[in-house]
Amino acid sequence: MAVSRARMRKEVPNTARERIDIRLRPQQKASIERAAYLKGLTVTDFIVQHALENAQRTIREHETWTLEQPDAELFAEALMNPSSLGLRLANAVRRHKGSQLHR
């Protein structure tokens, strides 16, 4: 279904600086054009809006931890009451601090 660009276009200043070209099957293009029309957006605005939302969600999912209740409680407990260092690690820390003083 071809949608007239004149009916879809909003008055938006052209501030684009980069370009992405994609190839679509006719049905994919028609679906995107129809969805953009139904939302009152240009095809470009529709694609940019949805691609940006998905990009931000993907970035957030890869940069954020979400722990369920039991794991969150264990994690908080470990932060609030860390276990003591083992003897070998404690000795290594002492040696490291001592070497820092002699610099």
C-alpha atoms as a PDB file:
ATOM      1  CA  MET A   1       0.000   0.000   0.000  1.00  0.00           C
ATOM      2  CA  ALA A   2       1.704   3.192  -1.131  1.00  0.00           C
ATOM      3  CA  VAL A   3       1.027   6.155   1.103  1.00  0.00           C
ATOM      4  CA  SER A   4       1.343   9.652  -0.221  1.00  0.00           C
ATOM      5  CA  ARG A   5       4.318  11.423   1.302  1.00  0.00           C
ATOM      6  CA  ALA A   6       2.405  14.682   1.161  1.00  0.00           C
ATOM      7  CA  ARG A   7      -0.206  13.291   3.568  1.00  0.00           C
ATOM      8  CA  MET A   8       2.434  11.873   5.900  1.00  0.00           C
ATOM      9  CA  ARG A   9       5.058  14.625   5.936  1.00  0.00           C
ATOM     10  CA  LYS A  10       5.169  16.973   8.889  1.00  0.00           C
ATOM     11  CA  GLU A  11       7.024  20.251   8.754  1.00  0.00           C
ATOM     12  CA  VAL A  12      10.339  19.228  10.302  1.00  0.00           C
ATOM     13  CA  PRO A  13      13.573  21.068   9.627  1.00  0.00           C
ATOM     14  CA  ASN A  14      16.056  18.928   7.742  1.00  0.00           C
ATOM     15  CA  THR A  15      18.924  18.560  10.215  1.00  0.00           C
ATOM     16  CA  ALA A  16      20.041  15.072   9.184  1.00  0.00           C
ATOM     17  CA  ARG A  17      23.773  14.590   9.161  1.00  0.00           C
ATOM     18  CA  GLU A  18      24.152  10.848   8.567  1.00  0.00           C
ATOM     19  CA  ARG A  19      22.394   8.409   6.276  1.00  0.00           C
ATOM     20  CA  ILE A  20      21.504   4.726   6.536  1.00  0.00           C
ATOM     21  CA  ASP A  21      20.265   2.863   3.481  1.00  0.00           C
ATOM     22  CA  ILE A  22      18.329  -0.370   3.865  1.00  0.00           C
ATOM     23  CA  ARG A  23      16.757  -2.811   1.466  1.00  0.00           C
ATOM     24  CA  LEU A  24      13.318  -4.195   2.267  1.00  0.00           C
ATOM     25  CA  ARG A  25      10.963  -6.673   0.757  1.00  0.00           C
ATOM     26  CA  PRO A  26       7.839  -4.981  -0.658  1.00  0.00           C
ATOM     27  CA  GLN A  27       5.658  -6.335   2.181  1.00  0.00           C
ATOM     28  CA  GLN A  28       8.067  -5.034   4.824  1.00  0.00           C
ATOM     29  CA  LYS A  29       8.075  -1.589   3.248  1.00  0.00           C
ATOM     30  CA  ALA A  30       4.287  -1.567   2.962  1.00  0.00           C
ATOM     31  CA  SER A  31       3.889  -2.511   6.632  1.00  0.00           C
ATOM     32  CA  ILE A  32       6.288   0.221   7.749  1.00  0.00           C
ATOM     33  CA  GLU A  33       4.566   2.798   5.548  1.00  0.00           C
ATOM     34  CA  ARG A  34       1.154   1.809   6.929  1.00  0.00           C
ATOM     35  CA  ALA A  35       2.328   1.913  10.547  1.00  0.00           C
ATOM     36  CA  ALA A  36       3.960   5.311   9.997  1.00  0.00           C
ATOM     37  CA  TYR A  37       0.767   6.612   8.415  1.00  0.00           C
ATOM     38  CA  LEU A  38      -1.357   5.329  11.306  1.00  0.00           C
ATOM     39  CA  LYS A  39       0.912   7.124  13.784  1.00  0.00           C
ATOM     40  CA  GLY A  40       0.929  10.301  11.700  1.00  0.00           C
ATOM     41  CA  LEU A  41       4.678  10.110  11.123  1.00  0.00           C
ATOM     42  CA  THR A  42       6.864  10.133   8.075  1.00  0.00           C
ATOM     43  CA  VAL A  43       8.443   6.788   7.272  1.00  0.00           C
ATOM     44  CA  THR A  44      11.832   8.250   8.232  1.00  0.00           C
ATOM     45  CA  ASP A  45      10.549   9.551  11.574  1.00  0.00           C
ATOM     46  CA  PHE A  46       8.832   6.242  12.283  1.00  0.00           C
ATOM     47  CA  ILE A  47      11.948   4.210  11.527  1.00  0.00           C
ATOM     48  CA  VAL A  48      14.273   6.530  13.457  1.00  0.00           C
ATOM     49  CA  GLN A  49      11.951   6.647  16.489  1.00  0.00           C
ATOM     50  CA  HIS A  50      11.612   2.873  16.708  1.00  0.00           C
ATOM     51  CA  ALA A  51      15.239   2.106  15.878  1.00  0.00           C
ATOM     52  CA  LEU A  52      16.419   4.589  18.526  1.00  0.00           C
ATOM     53  CA  GLU A  53      14.058   3.172  21.174  1.00  0.00           C
ATOM     54  CA  ASN A  54      15.312  -0.349  20.437  1.00  0.00           C
ATOM     55  CA  ALA A  55      18.949   0.788  20.413  1.00  0.00           C
ATOM     56  CA  GLN A  56      18.563   2.503  23.804  1.00  0.00           C
ATOM     57  CA  ARG A  57      16.792  -0.548  25.263  1.00  0.00           C
ATOM     58  CA  THR A  58      19.521  -2.866  23.966  1.00  0.00           C
ATOM     59  CA  ILE A  59      22.260  -0.669  25.429  1.00  0.00           C
ATOM     60  CA  ARG A  60      20.425  -0.425  28.766  1.00  0.00           C
ATOM     61  CA  GLU A  61      19.967  -4.221  28.904  1.00  0.00           C
ATOM     62  CA  HIS A  62      23.678  -4.762  28.330  1.00  0.00           C
ATOM     63  CA  GLU A  63      24.794  -2.112  30.838  1.00  0.00           C
ATOM     64  CA  THR A  64      22.362  -2.836  33.682  1.00  0.00           C
ATOM     65  CA  TRP A  65      22.065  -5.708  36.119  1.00  0.00           C
ATOM     66  CA  THR A  66      18.690  -6.796  37.358  1.00  0.00           C
ATOM     67  CA  LEU A  67      18.625  -9.261  40.227  1.00  0.00           C
ATOM     68  CA  GLU A  68      15.567 -11.100  41.458  1.00  0.00           C
ATOM     69  CA  GLN A  69      14.748 -10.958  45.168  1.00  0.00           C
ATOM     70  CA  PRO A  70      16.858 -13.847  46.552  1.00  0.00           C
ATOM     71  CA  ASP A  71      19.920 -12.863  44.499  1.00  0.00           C
ATOM     72  CA  ALA A  72      19.485  -9.166  45.291  1.00  0.00           C
ATOM     73  CA  GLU A  73      19.401  -9.930  49.020  1.00  0.00           C
ATOM     74  CA  LEU A  74      22.541 -12.089  48.800  1.00  0.00           C
ATOM     75  CA  PHE A  75      24.347  -9.408  46.810  1.00  0.00           C
ATOM     76  CA  ALA A  76      23.360  -6.652  49.263  1.00  0.00           C
ATOM     77  CA  GLU A  77      24.420  -8.826  52.212  1.00  0.00           C
ATOM     78  CA  ALA A  78      27.819  -9.463  50.595  1.00  0.00           C
ATOM     79  CA  LEU A  79      28.296  -5.720  50.104  1.00  0.00           C
ATOM     80  CA  MET A  80      27.229  -4.847  53.651  1.00  0.00           C
ATOM     81  CA  ASN A  81      29.154  -7.678  55.342  1.00  0.00           C
ATOM     82  CA  PRO A  82      32.010  -8.790  53.114  1.00  0.00           C
ATOM     83  CA  SER A  83      33.698 -12.026  54.070  1.00  0.00           C
ATOM     84  CA  SER A  84      37.175 -11.745  55.518  1.00  0.00           C
ATOM     85  CA  LEU A  85      40.191 -12.150  53.288  1.00  0.00           C
ATOM     86  CA  GLY A  86      41.894 -15.503  53.247  1.00  0.00           C
ATOM     87  CA  LEU A  87      45.335 -15.695  54.866  1.00  0.00           C
ATOM     88  CA  ARG A  88      47.219 -15.686  51.553  1.00  0.00           C
ATOM     89  CA  LEU A  89      45.253 -12.747  50.181  1.00  0.00           C
ATOM     90  CA  ALA A  90      45.636 -10.786  53.441  1.00  0.00           C
ATOM     91  CA  ASN A  91      49.417 -11.356  53.310  1.00  0.00           C
ATOM     92  CA  ALA A  92      49.506 -10.222  49.675  1.00  0.00           C
ATOM     93  CA  VAL A  93      47.636  -7.019  50.589  1.00  0.00           C
ATOM     94  CA  ARG A  94      50.077  -6.347  53.442  1.00  0.00           C
ATOM     95  CA  ARG A  95      53.058  -6.881  51.114  1.00  0.00           C
ATOM     96  CA  HIS A  96      51.527  -4.613  48.501  1.00  0.00           C
ATOM     97  CA  LYS A  97      50.853  -1.826  51.010  1.00  0.00           C
ATOM     98  CA  GLY A  98      54.406  -2.184  52.323  1.00  0.00           C
ATOM     99  CA  SER A  99      55.867  -1.877  48.839  1.00  0.00           C
ATOM    100  CA  GLN A 100      53.814   1.276  48.272  1.00  0.00           C
ATOM    101  CA  LEU A 101      55.427   2.941  51.309  1.00  0.00           C
ATOM    102  CA  HIS A 102      58.948   2.378  49.972  1.00  0.00           C
ATOM    103  CA  ARG A 103      58.377   4.153  46.673  1.00  0.00           C
END
